[in-house]
Each structure stands twice: as structure tokens, then as C-alpha cells.
């Protein structure tokens, strides 16, 4: 999906935003819906407040929830942290993890093993081809005259 303009309403006002993928668009729309739910709850709770005050309450609420979650993660015991699986940080690591453990994908005939192996092979070839192409930052840093 190429960059696409979408319109979302937040607190009754339309906003035109750019979504770079279907997943990005979904996240924007879900976020706008969550904001609107909080706006409506605060409007009911504080009927005389301006929309600026209401949006400030929503922003404060979201930040407090985010900080609480960060603190909960930070305060996990070493035993709890050890149980967490870390997500791969690059395509190569993700492919290695998939190659090491894809049995759950083949259970019940959901994905044939050959399809998974071909996918991994194709993605490794793509990665190899892409790694041979200089990144824009490299071009700017080393080839910019």
C-alpha cells in the first residue's frame, strides 16, 4: 500500500493523515476511537469543561497509563524477565527464529513445511540482494560530492 490519505475524527473534528500501510491505518483508526471514547467519558464527567481541557485530560490519562505500564515492565523480577521472549531486531534474526521453530505453523495443515522453507529461502535471497545496495545514508555520507 502506497502512502494513503485517511480522515479520522477526533473530538468531532476531522483530521487528514497519511497512512503508510494498512496496519498503520488500522492503528490510527483504533487510536482515534480510543481517544474519542475517553473524550466522551470526560465530557460526561465534566460537562462544563472546554474541549481543550478535555483533550488535556485525555493526554494526561494516556501518558499516566503508559508510565504505569513502563514501570510494571521495569519492576519485573529477573525470573519474570527471563520468561519474556525478545523479538528479533532484524530480518536475519527473525528468519533464524522462524527456521528454528515453525512446527506450530504446520500443525493441522495450516501451512505446508515446504511453503515455510521456500518463504525463508526467498526472504534470505531478498535480504542478500538488498544488503548489496548502498543505503541512502551511506550514499550521502560517502558518495556526496
Protein backbone atom coordinates (compact mmCIF):
# COMPACT_ATOMS: atom_id res chain seq x y z
CA UNK A 1 0.00 0.00 0.00
CA UNK A 2 1.43 3.34 -1.01
CA UNK A 3 1.09 6.38 1.21
CA UNK A 4 -2.64 6.94 1.55
CA UNK A 5 -4.59 9.87 2.95
CA UNK A 6 -7.20 8.93 5.51
CA UNK A 7 -9.59 11.04 7.53
CA UNK A 8 -10.27 10.39 11.19
CA UNK A 9 -12.45 12.33 13.60
CA UNK A 10 -11.08 13.19 17.00
CA UNK A 11 -13.37 15.04 19.38
CA UNK A 12 -15.68 15.83 16.49
CA UNK A 13 -13.03 17.40 14.25
CA UNK A 14 -11.83 15.71 11.06
CA UNK A 15 -8.09 15.25 10.57
CA UNK A 16 -6.49 14.18 7.30
CA UNK A 17 -3.50 11.95 7.98
CA UNK A 18 -1.12 9.85 5.94
CA UNK A 19 -1.05 6.09 6.47
CA UNK A 20 1.93 4.20 5.08
CA UNK A 21 0.31 0.76 5.25
CA UNK A 22 -2.97 -0.97 6.07
CA UNK A 23 -1.59 -1.81 9.52
CA UNK A 24 -0.62 1.84 10.09
CA UNK A 25 -4.12 2.92 9.04
CA UNK A 26 -5.65 0.36 11.43
CA UNK A 27 -3.53 1.67 14.31
CA UNK A 28 -4.51 5.27 13.55
CA UNK A 29 -8.21 4.41 13.46
CA UNK A 30 -8.09 2.31 16.65
CA UNK A 31 -6.16 5.08 18.41
CA UNK A 32 -8.67 7.71 17.30
CA UNK A 33 -11.53 5.51 18.54
CA UNK A 34 -9.83 5.09 21.93
CA UNK A 35 -9.28 8.85 22.20
CA UNK A 36 -12.91 9.52 21.33
CA UNK A 37 -14.10 7.05 23.99
CA UNK A 38 -12.01 8.86 26.60
CA UNK A 39 -13.17 12.27 25.34
CA UNK A 40 -16.81 11.22 25.64
CA UNK A 41 -16.23 9.81 29.13
CA UNK A 42 -14.62 13.06 30.29
CA UNK A 43 -17.35 15.15 28.62
CA UNK A 44 -19.92 13.20 30.63
CA UNK A 45 -17.89 13.56 33.83
CA UNK A 46 -17.06 17.26 33.37
CA UNK A 47 -19.89 18.74 31.25
CA UNK A 48 -18.80 22.39 31.58
CA UNK A 49 -15.17 21.93 30.51
CA UNK A 50 -13.83 23.12 27.16
CA UNK A 51 -12.66 20.63 24.55
CA UNK A 52 -9.08 21.80 25.16
CA UNK A 53 -9.43 20.85 28.83
CA UNK A 54 -10.99 17.52 27.91
CA UNK A 55 -8.21 16.71 25.42
CA UNK A 56 -5.65 17.68 28.06
CA UNK A 57 -7.26 15.22 30.47
CA UNK A 58 -7.17 12.52 27.80
CA UNK A 59 -3.48 13.21 27.04
CA UNK A 60 -2.64 13.11 30.75
CA UNK A 61 -4.58 9.86 31.18
CA UNK A 62 -2.83 8.19 28.24
CA UNK A 63 0.61 9.30 29.49
CA UNK A 64 -0.11 8.07 33.02
CA UNK A 65 -1.22 4.68 31.68
CA UNK A 66 1.92 4.48 29.54
CA UNK A 67 4.17 5.33 32.51
CA UNK A 68 2.39 2.77 34.69
CA UNK A 69 2.98 0.10 32.05
CA UNK A 70 6.64 1.08 31.71
CA UNK A 71 7.08 0.88 35.50
CA UNK A 72 5.40 -2.53 35.62
CA UNK A 73 7.78 -3.82 32.95
CA UNK A 74 10.78 -2.22 34.68
CA UNK A 75 9.80 -3.76 38.03
CA UNK A 76 9.51 -7.33 36.77
CA UNK A 77 11.61 -9.79 38.69
CA UNK A 78 14.60 -11.35 36.98
CA UNK A 79 12.66 -14.60 36.84
CA UNK A 80 9.72 -12.88 35.10
CA UNK A 81 12.06 -11.07 32.71
CA UNK A 82 13.76 -14.36 31.82
CA UNK A 83 10.37 -15.75 30.77
CA UNK A 84 9.86 -12.96 28.27
CA UNK A 85 10.85 -13.78 24.74
CA UNK A 86 12.60 -10.99 22.94
CA UNK A 87 11.52 -10.12 19.44
CA UNK A 88 14.12 -10.29 16.71
CA UNK A 89 15.55 -6.89 15.84
CA UNK A 90 16.38 -7.60 12.21
CA UNK A 91 15.09 -9.74 9.35
CA UNK A 92 18.01 -12.17 9.60
CA UNK A 93 17.26 -12.84 13.30
CA UNK A 94 13.55 -13.25 12.54
CA UNK A 95 14.30 -15.76 9.78
CA UNK A 96 16.67 -17.67 12.08
CA UNK A 97 13.96 -17.84 14.76
CA UNK A 98 11.36 -18.96 12.23
CA UNK A 99 13.70 -21.58 10.82
CA UNK A 100 14.45 -22.90 14.32
CA UNK A 101 10.80 -23.21 15.33
CA UNK A 102 7.99 -23.35 12.79
CA UNK A 103 6.29 -26.56 13.90
CA UNK A 104 3.35 -24.61 15.32
CA UNK A 105 2.67 -23.25 11.83
CA UNK A 106 2.41 -26.70 10.30
CA UNK A 107 0.07 -28.16 12.94
CA UNK A 108 -3.28 -29.10 11.47
CA UNK A 109 -2.01 -28.46 7.95
CA UNK A 110 -2.24 -24.69 8.30
CA UNK A 111 1.00 -24.12 6.36
CA UNK A 112 2.87 -26.82 4.46
CA UNK A 113 6.51 -27.19 5.58
CA UNK A 114 7.69 -26.64 2.01
CA UNK A 115 5.92 -23.27 1.87
CA UNK A 116 7.68 -22.11 5.04
CA UNK A 117 11.09 -23.28 3.81
CA UNK A 118 10.56 -21.57 0.45
CA UNK A 119 9.46 -18.38 2.20
CA UNK A 120 12.59 -18.36 4.38
CA UNK A 121 14.80 -19.02 1.36
CA UNK A 122 13.15 -16.24 -0.67
CA UNK A 123 13.45 -13.72 2.18
CA UNK A 124 17.13 -14.61 2.70
CA UNK A 125 17.74 -14.03 -1.02
CA UNK A 126 15.90 -10.67 -0.86
CA UNK A 127 17.95 -9.66 2.18
CA UNK A 128 21.16 -10.62 0.41
CA UNK A 129 20.22 -8.55 -2.64
CA UNK A 130 19.20 -5.57 -0.55
CA UNK A 131 22.35 -5.67 1.56
CA UNK A 132 24.39 -5.23 -1.63
CA UNK A 133 22.67 -1.90 -2.33
CA UNK A 134 24.10 1.14 -0.53
CA UNK A 135 21.71 2.77 1.94
CA UNK A 136 20.74 6.40 1.30
CA UNK A 137 22.69 7.43 4.40
CA UNK A 138 25.80 5.71 3.00
CA UNK A 139 25.35 7.43 -0.33
CA UNK A 140 25.01 10.77 1.39
CA UNK A 141 27.96 10.21 3.70
CA UNK A 142 30.44 8.57 1.35
CA UNK A 143 29.44 9.48 -2.20
CA UNK A 144 28.14 13.02 -1.80
CA UNK A 145 30.49 15.34 -3.65
